Amino acid sequence: MGTHLKCLGHTCKADVLGALIRRCGLIIALMPAYFFVDIGEITDAEKMEEYKSRVSPIVENFGGRYLVIGGPFEVVEGDWKPVFPVLIQFPSMEQARRWYDSAEYRDLKQLRLAATRGSGVFIDGHK
């Protein structure tokens, strides 16, 4: 199963499982990366609705795909109490950071941060 991402002004096809990018006959092996955020509290529902209505295409433009958006969960160890976990997979840490720091996401990121309280982390994946 493949997904498309924009890189260096053109579209590449990235294998979600194998994490290979083909460009000009070259193959570059990449390790997937994840952006995990737990929305602990929504402080402005209107802003959050605007964020949710606009963010998916930007995530997809950078090769990201949502793996978890809220939903039921079960804490089996420790005392962490997630509220609304979100997990986004990217083809590589570089691509995840490009998304997070991009001009396309900048205003939406500020909108989410203004509308919520929570914590976010980048996680390196496994080849």
C-alpha atoms as a PDB file:
ATOM      1  CA  MET A   1       0.000   0.000   0.000  1.00  0.00           C
ATOM      2  CA  GLY A   2       1.491   3.372  -0.944  1.00  0.00           C
ATOM      3  CA  THR A   3       0.985   7.005  -0.159  1.00  0.00           C
ATOM      4  CA  HIS A   4       2.167  10.132  -1.951  1.00  0.00           C
ATOM      5  CA  LEU A   5       4.199  12.944  -0.460  1.00  0.00           C
ATOM      6  CA  LYS A   6       5.593  16.193  -1.701  1.00  0.00           C
ATOM      7  CA  CYS A   7       9.344  16.481  -1.485  1.00  0.00           C
ATOM      8  CA  LEU A   8      11.666  18.908  -3.185  1.00  0.00           C
ATOM      9  CA  GLY A   9       8.940  20.248  -5.463  1.00  0.00           C
ATOM     10  CA  HIS A  10       7.721  16.963  -6.904  1.00  0.00           C
ATOM     11  CA  THR A  11       5.619  14.005  -5.809  1.00  0.00           C
ATOM     12  CA  CYS A  12       7.242  10.779  -4.623  1.00  0.00           C
ATOM     13  CA  LYS A  13       5.554   7.484  -3.898  1.00  0.00           C
ATOM     14  CA  ALA A  14       6.400   6.224  -0.425  1.00  0.00           C
ATOM     15  CA  ASP A  15       5.719   2.681   0.729  1.00  0.00           C
ATOM     16  CA  VAL A  16       4.084   2.994   4.148  1.00  0.00           C
ATOM     17  CA  LEU A  17       5.478  -0.358   5.305  1.00  0.00           C
ATOM     18  CA  GLY A  18       8.829  -0.500   3.574  1.00  0.00           C
ATOM     19  CA  ALA A  19       9.621   3.210   3.826  1.00  0.00           C
ATOM     20  CA  LEU A  20      11.275   3.506   0.430  1.00  0.00           C
ATOM     21  CA  ILE A  21      11.271   6.628  -1.678  1.00  0.00           C
ATOM     22  CA  ARG A  22      11.996   6.421  -5.410  1.00  0.00           C
ATOM     23  CA  ARG A  23      13.344   9.569  -7.018  1.00  0.00           C
ATOM     24  CA  CYS A  24      15.175   9.816 -10.327  1.00  0.00           C
ATOM     25  CA  GLY A  25      16.000   6.102 -10.220  1.00  0.00           C
ATOM     26  CA  LEU A  26      17.536   6.298  -6.728  1.00  0.00           C
ATOM     27  CA  ILE A  27      16.114   4.464  -3.742  1.00  0.00           C
ATOM     28  CA  ILE A  28      16.558   5.977  -0.284  1.00  0.00           C
ATOM     29  CA  ALA A  29      15.684   3.810   2.747  1.00  0.00           C
ATOM     30  CA  LEU A  30      13.970   5.735   5.527  1.00  0.00           C
ATOM     31  CA  MET A  31      12.789   4.883   9.002  1.00  0.00           C
ATOM     32  CA  PRO A  32       9.211   5.927   9.781  1.00  0.00           C
ATOM     33  CA  ALA A  33       8.603   8.520  12.469  1.00  0.00           C
ATOM     34  CA  TYR A  34       5.571   9.440  14.506  1.00  0.00           C
ATOM     35  CA  PHE A  35       4.058  12.564  15.976  1.00  0.00           C
ATOM     36  CA  PHE A  36       2.135  11.692  19.135  1.00  0.00           C
ATOM     37  CA  VAL A  37       0.008  14.279  20.893  1.00  0.00           C
ATOM     38  CA  ASP A  38      -2.353  13.806  23.809  1.00  0.00           C
ATOM     39  CA  ILE A  39      -4.948  16.567  23.906  1.00  0.00           C
ATOM     40  CA  GLY A  40      -5.574  16.907  27.629  1.00  0.00           C
ATOM     41  CA  GLU A  41      -8.136  19.673  27.387  1.00  0.00           C
ATOM     42  CA  ILE A  42      -9.892  21.634  24.669  1.00  0.00           C
ATOM     43  CA  THR A  43     -10.087  25.258  25.803  1.00  0.00           C
ATOM     44  CA  ASP A  44     -11.682  26.679  22.635  1.00  0.00           C
ATOM     45  CA  ALA A  45     -13.968  24.248  20.798  1.00  0.00           C
ATOM     46  CA  GLU A  46     -14.573  26.591  17.852  1.00  0.00           C
ATOM     47  CA  LYS A  47     -10.851  26.953  17.125  1.00  0.00           C
ATOM     48  CA  MET A  48     -10.370  23.210  17.485  1.00  0.00           C
ATOM     49  CA  GLU A  49     -13.156  22.500  14.986  1.00  0.00           C
ATOM     50  CA  GLU A  50     -11.489  24.842  12.496  1.00  0.00           C
ATOM     51  CA  TYR A  51      -8.166  23.069  13.062  1.00  0.00           C
ATOM     52  CA  LYS A  52      -9.707  19.620  12.524  1.00  0.00           C
ATOM     53  CA  SER A  53     -11.458  20.733   9.340  1.00  0.00           C
ATOM     54  CA  ARG A  54      -8.217  21.966   7.739  1.00  0.00           C
ATOM     55  CA  VAL A  55      -5.314  19.849   9.004  1.00  0.00           C
ATOM     56  CA  SER A  56      -5.654  16.490   7.190  1.00  0.00           C
ATOM     57  CA  PRO A  57      -4.657  17.675   3.686  1.00  0.00           C
ATOM     58  CA  ILE A  58      -1.546  19.349   5.085  1.00  0.00           C
ATOM     59  CA  VAL A  59      -0.534  16.200   6.973  1.00  0.00           C
ATOM     60  CA  GLU A  60      -1.071  14.161   3.786  1.00  0.00           C
ATOM     61  CA  ASN A  61       1.004  16.615   1.703  1.00  0.00           C
ATOM     62  CA  PHE A  62       3.979  15.723   3.883  1.00  0.00           C
ATOM     63  CA  GLY A  63       3.389  11.966   3.624  1.00  0.00           C
ATOM     64  CA  GLY A  64       1.645  11.690   6.974  1.00  0.00           C
ATOM     65  CA  ARG A  65      -1.270   9.489   7.811  1.00  0.00           C
ATOM     66  CA  TYR A  66      -3.363   9.299  10.945  1.00  0.00           C
ATOM     67  CA  LEU A  67      -3.088   6.011  12.820  1.00  0.00           C
ATOM     68  CA  VAL A  68      -5.020   7.060  15.947  1.00  0.00           C
ATOM     69  CA  ILE A  69      -7.511   9.873  16.487  1.00  0.00           C
ATOM     70  CA  GLY A  70      -8.933   9.529  19.971  1.00  0.00           C
ATOM     71  CA  GLY A  71     -10.945   6.404  20.487  1.00  0.00           C
ATOM     72  CA  PRO A  72     -11.110   3.882  23.291  1.00  0.00           C
ATOM     73  CA  PHE A  73      -7.908   2.895  25.070  1.00  0.00           C
ATOM     74  CA  GLU A  74      -6.836   0.890  28.079  1.00  0.00           C
ATOM     75  CA  VAL A  75      -3.998   1.838  30.411  1.00  0.00           C
ATOM     76  CA  VAL A  76      -2.266  -1.414  31.327  1.00  0.00           C
ATOM     77  CA  GLU A  77       0.825  -0.040  33.077  1.00  0.00           C
ATOM     78  CA  GLY A  78       1.567   3.012  35.162  1.00  0.00           C
ATOM     79  CA  ASP A  79      -0.733   5.875  36.039  1.00  0.00           C
ATOM     80  CA  TRP A  80      -0.781   7.867  32.788  1.00  0.00           C
ATOM     81  CA  LYS A  81      -4.300   9.011  31.966  1.00  0.00           C
ATOM     82  CA  PRO A  82      -4.515   9.879  28.269  1.00  0.00           C
ATOM     83  CA  VAL A  83      -7.493  12.004  27.309  1.00  0.00           C
ATOM     84  CA  PHE A  84      -7.504  12.289  23.493  1.00  0.00           C
ATOM     85  CA  PRO A  85      -4.427  10.658  21.946  1.00  0.00           C
ATOM     86  CA  VAL A  86      -3.529  11.315  18.302  1.00  0.00           C
ATOM     87  CA  LEU A  87      -0.800   9.424  16.424  1.00  0.00           C
ATOM     88  CA  ILE A  88       0.423  10.446  12.968  1.00  0.00           C
ATOM     89  CA  GLN A  89       2.933   8.365  10.986  1.00  0.00           C
ATOM     90  CA  PHE A  90       5.415   9.988   8.576  1.00  0.00           C
ATOM     91  CA  PRO A  91       7.884   8.287   6.209  1.00  0.00           C
ATOM     92  CA  SER A  92      10.833   9.728   8.157  1.00  0.00           C
ATOM     93  CA  MET A  93      11.726  12.039  11.033  1.00  0.00           C
ATOM     94  CA  GLU A  94      12.904  14.570   8.468  1.00  0.00           C
ATOM     95  CA  GLN A  95       9.494  14.561   6.801  1.00  0.00           C
ATOM     96  CA  ALA A  96       7.707  14.811  10.189  1.00  0.00           C
ATOM     97  CA  ARG A  97       9.795  17.841  11.131  1.00  0.00           C
ATOM     98  CA  ARG A  98       9.258  19.413   7.710  1.00  0.00           C
ATOM     99  CA  TRP A  99       5.516  19.141   8.311  1.00  0.00           C
ATOM    100  CA  TYR A 100       5.677  20.459  11.873  1.00  0.00           C
ATOM    101  CA  ASP A 101       7.905  23.413  10.951  1.00  0.00           C
ATOM    102  CA  SER A 102       6.309  24.151   7.565  1.00  0.00           C
ATOM    103  CA  ALA A 103       4.736  27.431   6.516  1.00  0.00           C
ATOM    104  CA  GLU A 104       1.646  25.411   5.513  1.00  0.00           C
ATOM    105  CA  TYR A 105       1.169  24.088   9.074  1.00  0.00           C
ATOM    106  CA  ARG A 106       2.428  27.118  11.037  1.00  0.00           C
ATOM    107  CA  ASP A 107      -0.918  28.912  11.444  1.00  0.00           C
ATOM    108  CA  LEU A 108      -2.812  25.701  12.145  1.00  0.00           C
ATOM    109  CA  LYS A 109      -0.270  24.666  14.769  1.00  0.00           C
ATOM    110  CA  GLN A 110      -0.774  28.010  16.521  1.00  0.00           C
ATOM    111  CA  LEU A 111      -4.538  27.523  16.266  1.00  0.00           C
ATOM    112  CA  ARG A 112      -4.297  24.064  17.898  1.00  0.00           C
ATOM    113  CA  LEU A 113      -1.976  25.322  20.625  1.00  0.00           C
ATOM    114  CA  ALA A 114      -4.350  28.216  21.355  1.00  0.00           C
ATOM    115  CA  ALA A 115      -7.351  25.858  21.472  1.00  0.00           C
ATOM    116  CA  THR A 116      -5.924  23.048  23.604  1.00  0.00           C
ATOM    117  CA  ARG A 117      -3.694  22.004  26.456  1.00  0.00           C
ATOM    118  CA  GLY A 118      -1.677  18.864  25.924  1.00  0.00           C
ATOM    119  CA  SER A 119       1.687  17.323  25.174  1.00  0.00           C
ATOM    120  CA  GLY A 120       3.304  16.298  21.894  1.00  0.00           C
ATOM    121  CA  VAL A 121       6.393  14.278  21.032  1.00  0.00           C
ATOM    122  CA  PHE A 122       8.227  12.960  17.991  1.00  0.00           C
ATOM    123  CA  ILE A 123       9.105   9.252  18.085  1.00  0.00           C
ATOM    124  CA  ASP A 124      11.563   7.487  15.768  1.00  0.00           C
ATOM    125  CA  GLY A 125      10.101   4.353  14.256  1.00  0.00           C
ATOM    126  CA  HIS A 126      11.643   1.012  13.386  1.00  0.00           C
ATOM    127  CA  LYS A 127      12.882  -0.170   9.971  1.00  0.00           C
END
